[in-house]
Amino acid sequence: MSPIHRKVAVALTVAALALTGCGSSSGGSAAGGKVTLTVATFNEFGYESLYPEYMKAHPNVKIVAKKAATSQAARDNMNTRLAANSGLADIEAVETDWLPDLMKVSSKFVDLNTSDLKGRWLSWKTKEATTPSGQLLGYGTDSGPEAVCYRSDLFKKAGLPSDRESVAKLLNGSWDNYFQVGRQFVAKSGGVAWFDSADAVFIARLNQMPNPFSSSSTEEKLIPLDQNAPVKDLYTSTLKAGVDDKLSARLAQWSQDWTNAFQKEKFATMLCPAWLMGPIEGNSSGVKGWDIANVFPGGGGNWGGSYLTVPKMGKNTDEARKLAAWLTAPEQQIKAFKAKGNFPSQVKALDSSELTSSTNAFFNNAPTGKIFAERAKAVTVMPFKGPHYFAVTTAVNDAINRVEVDKSATVTASWAKAVEEVKGLSD
């Protein structure tokens, strides 16, 4: 699933199980000796058909699904119930973004390390959910490997190669190369921008840095922004490309202007994690020309993803762990991908012919399973995220948007404001 501040709200499909009512069943036994397990998710995990399958194979287990409309609603609920030390579901889905906070209360969650599941996930996926002491907080569900989605028709009009193999070769290499091709495109595009949002480009580049804001990889030791030359360079070079070189459509992702832009030929490329295929298709109804290239500037990149955790307050944590392990097994991850497009994080799932043979008709029948499986394997770096990671990220994101979208500040002034905001954070 996508990061919290970028998620598109999805209608609440299990209204009768509102988060504020009906707390955790604590895994209590139902009539007839059954074990009741509550599973709290948000948005779309693709589990609707999996629950009946599990219950059929395990007649002693009754699963009660609780699905929040948005990840933020789920996070607010989790924080409230963690503070009260009661009421959490037997299995709680969490986003990657939440893990720094959960690390601070790791004692409230079951350590999910087991020898039989070692090596099941891509190494970076497991590392994100592992505490400094070695506790595994969650079993990985989906991931967000990134490729480049692009408008082949707009590439043709600008005289650039347009088939996905040629585009992959064209964009292979550094971010400087991506920007340089963008400048060539903009010069011939007749007013069409190269990408949608400088903020999205900044996040993608940040996700390729192992320690963007901290001097340590095991504990947060914040680097003051006014002393953080690499991040400042990322900020200034992204805005130079987006604003000065006019490569950006200067849109805030998920805004109404951004949504409308898909119908108006406003930009030609998007940095595209697997989960973004759905929103692109939905916003581009009736538009032809979208394709996906098996490439990403700077190498591999991941944006987004979730986990299943097992709170210790449940009374049947062993049964909950078994269910969480089954839901995140390779076979079930492929089923969830087919149901909702959630891309697997399991090693065996990425090598499955069921996955690698998948195509997407909207994206010119692109072999999306194969493309994103290779993109997932290309990820070698994930940023260390301490407790203040997202506060600092938000401060810089806001600084970019003041310059690019709101046009209310200069590059220098907006950075200075971000520096002051981060000074208020303590190590």
Protein backbone atom coordinates (compact mmCIF):
# COMPACT_ATOMS: atom_id res chain seq x y z
CA MET A 1 0.00 0.00 0.00
CA SER A 2 1.07 3.54 -0.53
CA PRO A 3 2.45 5.86 2.18
CA ILE A 4 -0.07 7.46 4.48
CA HIS A 5 -0.04 11.00 3.13
CA ARG A 6 -0.46 9.78 -0.45
CA LYS A 7 -3.26 7.25 -0.11
CA VAL A 8 -6.51 7.67 -1.96
CA ALA A 9 -9.44 7.05 0.36
CA VAL A 10 -11.43 3.91 -0.36
CA ALA A 11 -15.04 3.43 0.71
CA LEU A 12 -15.54 1.58 3.97
CA THR A 13 -16.73 -1.83 2.91
CA VAL A 14 -17.34 -3.35 6.30
CA ALA A 15 -19.46 -0.62 7.85
CA ALA A 16 -20.87 -2.81 10.56
CA LEU A 17 -17.42 -3.25 12.05
CA ALA A 18 -16.53 0.39 12.71
CA LEU A 19 -13.19 0.93 14.35
CA THR A 20 -14.53 2.88 17.26
CA GLY A 21 -16.92 0.14 18.24
CA CYS A 22 -16.29 -3.54 18.55
CA GLY A 23 -12.73 -3.65 19.86
CA SER A 24 -10.54 -6.71 19.69
CA SER A 25 -12.18 -9.99 20.47
CA SER A 26 -8.86 -10.81 22.13
CA GLY A 27 -8.99 -14.05 20.24
CA GLY A 28 -11.69 -15.33 22.53
CA SER A 29 -13.31 -18.70 21.90
CA ALA A 30 -16.71 -18.69 20.24
CA ALA A 31 -19.46 -21.19 20.79
CA GLY A 32 -18.48 -24.73 19.86
CA GLY A 33 -14.86 -24.23 20.85
CA LYS A 34 -13.97 -22.03 17.90
CA VAL A 35 -11.22 -19.45 18.18
CA THR A 36 -12.30 -16.01 16.97
CA LEU A 37 -9.56 -13.90 15.39
CA THR A 38 -10.10 -10.29 14.38
CA VAL A 39 -8.06 -8.93 11.47
CA ALA A 40 -7.86 -5.15 11.09
CA THR A 41 -6.83 -3.79 7.67
CA PHE A 42 -7.40 -0.61 5.64
CA ASN A 43 -7.95 0.30 2.02
CA GLU A 44 -7.51 -2.87 -0.07
CA PHE A 45 -5.42 -5.90 0.97
CA GLY A 46 -7.20 -8.44 -1.26
CA TYR A 47 -8.08 -10.75 1.64
CA GLU A 48 -11.86 -11.00 1.16
CA SER A 49 -11.72 -14.37 -0.60
CA LEU A 50 -8.84 -15.63 1.52
CA TYR A 51 -10.66 -15.56 4.84
CA PRO A 52 -13.30 -18.18 3.83
CA GLU A 53 -10.51 -20.34 2.38
CA TYR A 54 -8.60 -20.30 5.66
CA MET A 55 -11.70 -20.99 7.76
CA LYS A 56 -12.63 -23.94 5.55
CA ALA A 57 -9.18 -25.45 6.09
CA HIS A 58 -9.25 -24.54 9.81
CA PRO A 59 -12.81 -25.18 11.05
CA ASN A 60 -11.82 -24.23 14.61
CA VAL A 61 -11.08 -20.65 13.51
CA LYS A 62 -13.59 -17.87 12.92
CA ILE A 63 -12.19 -14.73 11.26
CA VAL A 64 -13.83 -11.36 11.84
CA ALA A 65 -12.67 -8.72 9.35
CA LYS A 66 -12.42 -5.04 10.24
CA LYS A 67 -11.50 -2.70 7.40
CA ALA A 68 -10.95 1.04 7.83
CA ALA A 69 -11.72 3.43 5.00
CA THR A 70 -8.22 4.94 5.08
CA SER A 71 -4.84 4.12 6.52
CA GLN A 72 -4.95 7.27 8.64
CA ALA A 73 -8.16 6.12 10.34
CA ALA A 74 -6.50 2.78 11.06
CA ARG A 75 -3.40 4.44 12.41
CA ASP A 76 -5.36 6.77 14.68
CA ASN A 77 -7.27 3.77 16.02
CA MET A 78 -4.08 1.81 16.66
CA ASN A 79 -2.41 4.71 18.48
CA THR A 80 -5.46 5.21 20.70
CA ARG A 81 -5.69 1.54 21.63
CA LEU A 82 -1.96 1.16 22.14
CA ALA A 83 -2.11 4.03 24.62
CA ALA A 84 -5.01 2.35 26.40
CA ASN A 85 -3.26 -1.04 26.16
CA SER A 86 -6.50 -2.72 25.09
CA GLY A 87 -8.85 -3.17 22.18
CA LEU A 88 -6.49 -3.96 19.32
CA ALA A 89 -7.39 -6.67 16.82
CA ASP A 90 -5.63 -10.02 17.00
CA ILE A 91 -3.88 -9.11 13.73
CA GLU A 92 -3.23 -5.46 12.91
CA ALA A 93 -2.13 -4.36 9.46
CA VAL A 94 0.37 -1.49 9.51
CA GLU A 95 2.09 0.62 6.87
CA THR A 96 5.83 0.88 6.47
CA ASP A 97 5.47 4.51 7.55
CA TRP A 98 4.27 3.50 11.02
CA LEU A 99 7.21 1.27 11.90
CA PRO A 100 9.44 3.94 13.50
CA ASP A 101 6.70 4.64 16.06
CA LEU A 102 5.99 0.95 16.63
CA MET A 103 9.66 0.31 17.31
CA LYS A 104 9.26 2.43 20.45
CA VAL A 105 6.49 0.14 21.77
CA SER A 106 7.81 -3.13 20.35
CA SER A 107 7.25 -4.87 23.69
CA LYS A 108 3.51 -4.74 22.97
CA PHE A 109 3.90 -6.95 19.88
CA VAL A 110 4.75 -10.61 19.39
CA ASP A 111 8.20 -11.32 17.97
CA LEU A 112 7.33 -13.04 14.69
CA ASN A 113 10.77 -14.54 14.08
CA THR A 114 10.52 -18.26 13.29
CA SER A 115 13.13 -20.48 11.67
CA ASP A 116 10.67 -21.91 9.14
CA LEU A 117 9.94 -18.46 7.66
CA LYS A 118 13.53 -17.22 7.50
CA GLY A 119 14.36 -15.96 4.02
CA ARG A 120 10.73 -15.86 2.92
CA TRP A 121 10.81 -12.12 2.14
CA LEU A 122 13.14 -9.87 0.23
CA SER A 123 15.88 -8.91 2.69
CA TRP A 124 15.08 -5.18 2.67
CA LYS A 125 11.42 -5.93 3.39
CA THR A 126 12.28 -7.90 6.53
CA LYS A 127 14.92 -5.40 7.63
CA GLU A 128 12.40 -2.55 7.73
CA ALA A 129 10.28 -4.40 10.29
CA THR A 130 13.16 -5.62 12.46
CA THR A 131 14.03 -3.74 15.66
CA PRO A 132 17.65 -3.00 16.61
CA SER A 133 17.43 -5.91 19.07
CA GLY A 134 16.34 -8.32 16.32
CA GLN A 135 12.60 -8.54 16.99
CA LEU A 136 10.49 -9.01 13.86
CA LEU A 137 7.42 -6.79 14.27
CA GLY A 138 5.52 -7.77 11.14
CA TYR A 139 5.15 -10.20 8.25
CA GLY A 140 5.47 -8.36 4.95
CA THR A 141 2.40 -8.10 2.74
CA ASP A 142 2.76 -5.95 -0.39
CA SER A 143 5.65 -3.81 -1.58
CA GLY A 144 6.00 -0.80 -3.87
CA PRO A 145 8.79 -1.45 -6.40
CA GLU A 146 9.07 1.47 -8.81
CA ALA A 147 9.28 1.60 -12.59
CA VAL A 148 8.55 4.47 -15.00
CA CYS A 149 5.02 4.83 -16.36
CA TYR A 150 4.89 6.98 -19.48
CA ARG A 151 2.71 8.23 -22.34
CA SER A 152 4.03 6.52 -25.46
CA ASP A 153 1.89 8.76 -27.70
CA LEU A 154 3.47 11.90 -26.23
CA PHE A 155 6.94 10.39 -26.63
CA LYS A 156 6.22 9.80 -30.33
CA LYS A 157 5.03 13.39 -30.83
CA ALA A 158 8.27 14.66 -29.28
CA GLY A 159 10.39 12.42 -31.48
CA LEU A 160 11.57 10.13 -28.66
CA PRO A 161 11.64 6.31 -28.77
CA SER A 162 8.27 5.08 -27.54
CA ASP A 163 8.32 1.28 -27.19
CA ARG A 164 8.97 0.11 -23.64
CA GLU A 165 12.29 -1.62 -24.38
CA SER A 166 13.72 1.48 -26.06
CA VAL A 167 12.41 3.74 -23.29
CA ALA A 168 14.05 1.50 -20.69
CA LYS A 169 17.38 1.93 -22.48
CA LEU A 170 16.82 5.67 -22.89
CA LEU A 171 16.14 6.24 -19.20
CA ASN A 172 18.63 3.75 -17.80
CA GLY A 173 21.22 5.37 -15.58
CA SER A 174 21.34 8.36 -13.28
CA TRP A 175 18.81 10.98 -12.28
CA ASP A 176 20.85 13.45 -14.31
CA ASN A 177 20.13 11.32 -17.36
CA TYR A 178 16.40 11.25 -16.54
CA PHE A 179 16.39 15.05 -16.28
CA GLN A 180 18.44 15.45 -19.47
CA VAL A 181 16.00 13.32 -21.48
CA GLY A 182 13.24 15.39 -19.91
CA ARG A 183 14.81 18.60 -21.17
CA GLN A 184 14.95 17.10 -24.67
CA PHE A 185 11.28 16.14 -24.39
CA VAL A 186 10.10 19.52 -23.09
CA ALA A 187 11.93 21.33 -25.88
CA LYS A 188 9.80 19.48 -28.43
CA SER A 189 6.59 18.75 -26.53
CA GLY A 190 4.67 21.94 -27.19
CA GLY A 191 4.04 22.67 -23.52
CA VAL A 192 3.72 19.18 -22.03
CA ALA A 193 5.78 18.68 -18.84
CA TRP A 194 8.13 15.75 -18.31
CA PHE A 195 6.82 14.64 -14.88
CA ASP A 196 3.86 15.43 -12.66
CA SER A 197 5.37 16.53 -9.33
CA ALA A 198 8.77 17.58 -7.98
CA ASP A 199 7.67 16.33 -4.57
CA ALA A 200 7.24 12.80 -5.99
CA VAL A 201 10.69 12.97 -7.58
CA PHE A 202 12.22 14.12 -4.29
CA ILE A 203 10.61 11.22 -2.38
CA ALA A 204 11.83 8.70 -4.97
CA ARG A 205 15.39 10.02 -4.70
CA LEU A 206 15.21 10.15 -0.90
CA ASN A 207 14.16 6.49 -0.83
CA GLN A 208 17.49 5.59 -2.44
CA MET A 209 19.52 7.10 0.42
CA PRO A 210 20.41 4.78 3.33
CA ASN A 211 20.69 7.57 5.93
CA PRO A 212 19.13 10.77 4.66
CA PHE A 213 18.41 12.34 8.04
CA SER A 214 20.38 10.33 10.60
CA SER A 215 24.07 9.69 11.18
CA SER A 216 23.30 6.18 12.43
CA SER A 217 21.65 3.13 10.86
CA THR A 218 20.52 1.63 14.16
CA GLU A 219 19.29 4.61 16.19
CA GLU A 220 18.13 8.06 15.25
CA LYS A 221 20.80 10.73 15.48
CA LEU A 222 19.27 13.60 13.55
CA ILE A 223 21.46 15.64 11.27
CA PRO A 224 20.30 19.28 11.40
CA LEU A 225 18.97 20.30 7.99
CA ASP A 226 21.32 23.27 7.77
CA GLN A 227 24.20 20.77 8.08
CA ASN A 228 22.69 18.16 5.77
CA ALA A 229 24.38 18.88 2.43
CA PRO A 230 23.16 15.72 0.58
CA VAL A 231 19.49 16.38 1.35
CA LYS A 232 19.82 20.08 0.53
CA ASP A 233 21.39 19.12 -2.79
CA LEU A 234 18.49 16.75 -3.44
CA TYR A 235 16.05 19.55 -2.64
CA THR A 236 17.73 22.20 -4.81
CA SER A 237 18.52 19.94 -7.78
CA THR A 238 14.97 18.54 -7.85
CA LEU A 239 13.48 22.03 -7.83
CA LYS A 240 15.95 23.23 -10.46
CA ALA A 241 14.85 20.42 -12.76
CA GLY A 242 11.17 20.81 -11.96
CA VAL A 243 10.80 24.60 -11.83
CA ASP A 244 13.81 26.24 -13.52
CA ASP A 245 14.03 23.71 -16.35
CA LYS A 246 10.23 23.46 -16.52
CA LEU A 247 10.22 19.66 -16.36
CA SER A 248 7.42 19.51 -13.78
CA ALA A 249 3.69 20.03 -14.29
CA ARG A 250 3.89 21.60 -10.79
CA LEU A 251 1.02 19.54 -9.40
CA ALA A 252 0.44 18.28 -5.86
CA GLN A 253 -0.17 14.56 -6.09
CA TRP A 254 -3.72 13.49 -5.15
CA SER A 255 -5.03 17.06 -5.56
CA GLN A 256 -8.00 17.68 -7.86
CA ASP A 257 -5.75 19.49 -10.33
CA TRP A 258 -3.48 16.43 -10.42
CA THR A 259 -6.45 14.10 -10.98
CA ASN A 260 -7.80 16.28 -13.79
CA ALA A 261 -4.38 16.51 -15.45
CA PHE A 262 -4.54 12.90 -16.61
CA GLN A 263 -7.22 13.93 -19.10
CA LYS A 264 -5.35 16.98 -20.39
CA GLU A 265 -1.90 15.80 -21.53
CA LYS A 266 -0.15 17.73 -18.77
CA PHE A 267 2.85 15.39 -18.29
CA ALA A 268 4.55 12.45 -20.01
CA THR A 269 6.13 10.34 -17.23
CA MET A 270 5.42 9.27 -13.67
CA LEU A 271 7.63 7.51 -11.18
CA CYS A 272 5.41 4.52 -10.73
CA PRO A 273 5.26 2.02 -7.83
CA ALA A 274 3.11 -1.02 -8.63
CA TRP A 275 0.17 0.24 -6.55
CA LEU A 276 -0.05 3.44 -8.63
CA MET A 277 -1.19 1.55 -11.72
CA GLY A 278 -4.77 1.56 -10.44
CA PRO A 279 -5.04 5.33 -9.83
CA ILE A 280 -3.41 6.07 -13.19
CA GLU A 281 -5.89 3.87 -15.01
CA GLY A 282 -8.82 5.25 -13.04
CA ASN A 283 -7.86 8.87 -13.69
CA SER A 284 -7.06 8.22 -17.36
CA SER A 285 -10.39 6.75 -18.39
CA GLY A 286 -10.66 6.98 -22.18
CA VAL A 287 -7.01 8.02 -22.58
CA LYS A 288 -4.77 5.74 -24.64
CA GLY A 289 -1.00 5.63 -24.73
CA TRP A 290 0.11 4.69 -21.20
CA ASP A 291 2.88 2.10 -20.97
CA ILE A 292 5.46 0.95 -18.38
CA ALA A 293 9.23 0.76 -18.84
CA ASN A 294 11.33 -1.69 -16.84
CA VAL A 295 13.69 0.97 -15.53
CA PHE A 296 14.09 3.42 -12.67
CA PRO A 297 16.51 6.37 -12.39
CA GLY A 298 19.39 5.67 -10.06
CA GLY A 299 18.75 1.91 -9.99
CA GLY A 300 16.02 0.36 -7.85
CA GLY A 301 13.48 2.07 -5.65
CA ASN A 302 10.59 1.16 -3.39
CA TRP A 303 7.72 3.39 -2.29
CA GLY A 304 5.18 1.96 0.11
CA GLY A 305 4.20 -1.42 1.49
CA SER A 306 2.55 -2.93 4.56
CA TYR A 307 2.89 -5.61 7.23
CA LEU A 308 0.73 -7.79 9.49
CA THR A 309 1.52 -7.53 13.21
CA VAL A 310 0.29 -9.56 16.18
CA PRO A 311 -0.34 -7.50 19.34
CA LYS A 312 0.51 -9.30 22.58
CA MET A 313 -2.81 -8.32 24.16
CA GLY A 314 -4.61 -11.00 22.16
CA LYS A 315 -5.45 -14.25 23.96
CA ASN A 316 -4.68 -16.49 20.99
CA THR A 317 -1.46 -15.02 19.68
CA ASP A 318 -0.20 -18.38 18.40
CA GLU A 319 -3.29 -18.84 16.22
CA ALA A 320 -3.02 -15.21 15.12
CA ARG A 321 0.62 -15.69 14.11
CA LYS A 322 -0.31 -18.77 12.06
CA LEU A 323 -3.03 -16.86 10.24
CA ALA A 324 -0.72 -13.90 9.58
CA ALA A 325 1.93 -16.27 8.23
CA TRP A 326 -0.64 -17.93 5.93
CA LEU A 327 -2.03 -14.64 4.65
CA THR A 328 1.48 -13.51 3.70
CA ALA A 329 2.61 -16.81 2.15
CA PRO A 330 3.63 -16.72 -1.53
CA GLU A 331 0.44 -18.40 -2.74
CA GLN A 332 -1.79 -15.93 -0.92
CA GLN A 333 0.29 -12.92 -1.98
CA ILE A 334 -0.25 -13.89 -5.62
CA LYS A 335 -4.00 -14.22 -5.02
CA ALA A 336 -4.07 -10.78 -3.39
CA PHE A 337 -2.14 -9.37 -6.35
CA LYS A 338 -4.67 -10.81 -8.79
CA ALA A 339 -7.57 -9.51 -6.69
CA LYS A 340 -6.38 -5.97 -5.92
CA GLY A 341 -2.98 -5.44 -7.56
CA ASN A 342 -0.98 -5.50 -4.30
CA PHE A 343 2.51 -6.46 -5.41
CA PRO A 344 4.14 -9.36 -3.48
CA SER A 345 7.19 -9.03 -1.26
CA GLN A 346 7.84 -12.77 -1.08
CA VAL A 347 10.89 -14.21 -2.84
CA LYS A 348 9.05 -17.29 -4.16
CA ALA A 349 6.07 -15.20 -5.27
CA LEU A 350 8.35 -13.00 -7.38
CA ASP A 351 9.62 -16.07 -9.23
CA SER A 352 6.18 -17.59 -9.77
CA SER A 353 5.02 -17.95 -13.37
CA GLU A 354 1.55 -16.91 -12.18
CA LEU A 355 3.01 -13.53 -11.30
CA THR A 356 5.60 -13.08 -14.03
CA SER A 357 3.08 -13.94 -16.76
CA SER A 358 0.66 -11.22 -15.63
CA THR A 359 -0.05 -8.40 -18.08
CA ASN A 360 -2.07 -5.19 -17.93
CA ALA A 361 -4.30 -4.34 -20.87
CA PHE A 362 -4.55 -0.62 -20.03
CA PHE A 363 -0.77 -0.22 -20.10
CA ASN A 364 -0.49 -1.56 -23.66
CA ASN A 365 -0.48 -5.16 -22.38
CA ALA A 366 2.76 -4.50 -20.51
CA PRO A 367 4.15 -7.58 -18.70
CA THR A 368 3.59 -5.91 -15.36
CA GLY A 369 4.27 -9.02 -13.28
CA LYS A 370 7.70 -9.50 -14.83
CA ILE A 371 8.54 -5.79 -14.81
CA PHE A 372 7.73 -5.17 -11.16
CA ALA A 373 9.27 -8.47 -10.02
CA GLU A 374 12.55 -7.34 -11.59
CA ARG A 375 12.14 -3.85 -10.13
CA ALA A 376 11.63 -5.35 -6.65
CA LYS A 377 14.83 -7.37 -6.98
CA ALA A 378 16.68 -4.21 -8.06
CA VAL A 379 16.06 -2.53 -4.69
CA THR A 380 19.30 -2.51 -2.71
CA VAL A 381 18.80 0.45 -0.36
CA MET A 382 16.00 1.50 1.96
CA PRO A 383 16.34 4.61 4.13
CA PHE A 384 16.77 4.27 7.87
CA LYS A 385 13.61 5.68 9.45
CA GLY A 386 13.89 6.87 13.00
CA PRO A 387 11.03 8.38 15.04
CA HIS A 388 11.43 11.81 13.41
CA TYR A 389 11.95 10.62 9.84
CA PHE A 390 8.49 11.52 8.64
CA ALA A 391 8.37 14.84 10.46
CA VAL A 392 11.59 15.88 8.69
CA THR A 393 10.37 14.47 5.37
CA THR A 394 7.13 16.42 5.71
CA ALA A 395 9.04 19.64 6.44
CA VAL A 396 11.05 19.26 3.22
CA ASN A 397 8.00 18.14 1.22
CA ASP A 398 6.19 21.27 2.37
CA ALA A 399 9.20 23.37 1.40
CA ILE A 400 9.13 21.92 -2.11
CA ASN A 401 5.40 22.54 -2.47
CA ARG A 402 5.71 26.15 -1.33
CA VAL A 403 8.06 26.74 -4.25
CA GLU A 404 6.57 24.46 -6.87
CA VAL A 405 2.82 24.35 -6.29
CA ASP A 406 1.88 27.37 -4.15
CA LYS A 407 4.59 29.60 -5.66
CA SER A 408 4.62 31.40 -2.31
CA ALA A 409 8.35 31.25 -1.52
CA THR A 410 11.76 31.17 -3.13
CA VAL A 411 13.94 28.08 -3.03
CA THR A 412 16.21 29.68 -0.42
CA ALA A 413 13.46 31.07 1.82
CA SER A 414 11.45 27.88 1.75
CA TRP A 415 14.47 25.81 2.73
CA ALA A 416 15.22 28.21 5.60
CA LYS A 417 11.71 27.68 6.93
CA ALA A 418 12.15 23.91 6.80
CA VAL A 419 15.43 24.24 8.69
CA GLU A 420 13.66 26.15 11.47
CA GLU A 421 10.85 23.59 11.66
CA VAL A 422 13.29 20.71 12.04
CA LYS A 423 15.20 22.55 14.78
CA GLY A 424 12.15 22.03 16.95
CA LEU A 425 12.67 18.26 16.90
CA SER A 426 14.83 16.56 19.52
CA ASP A 427 17.06 13.55 18.99
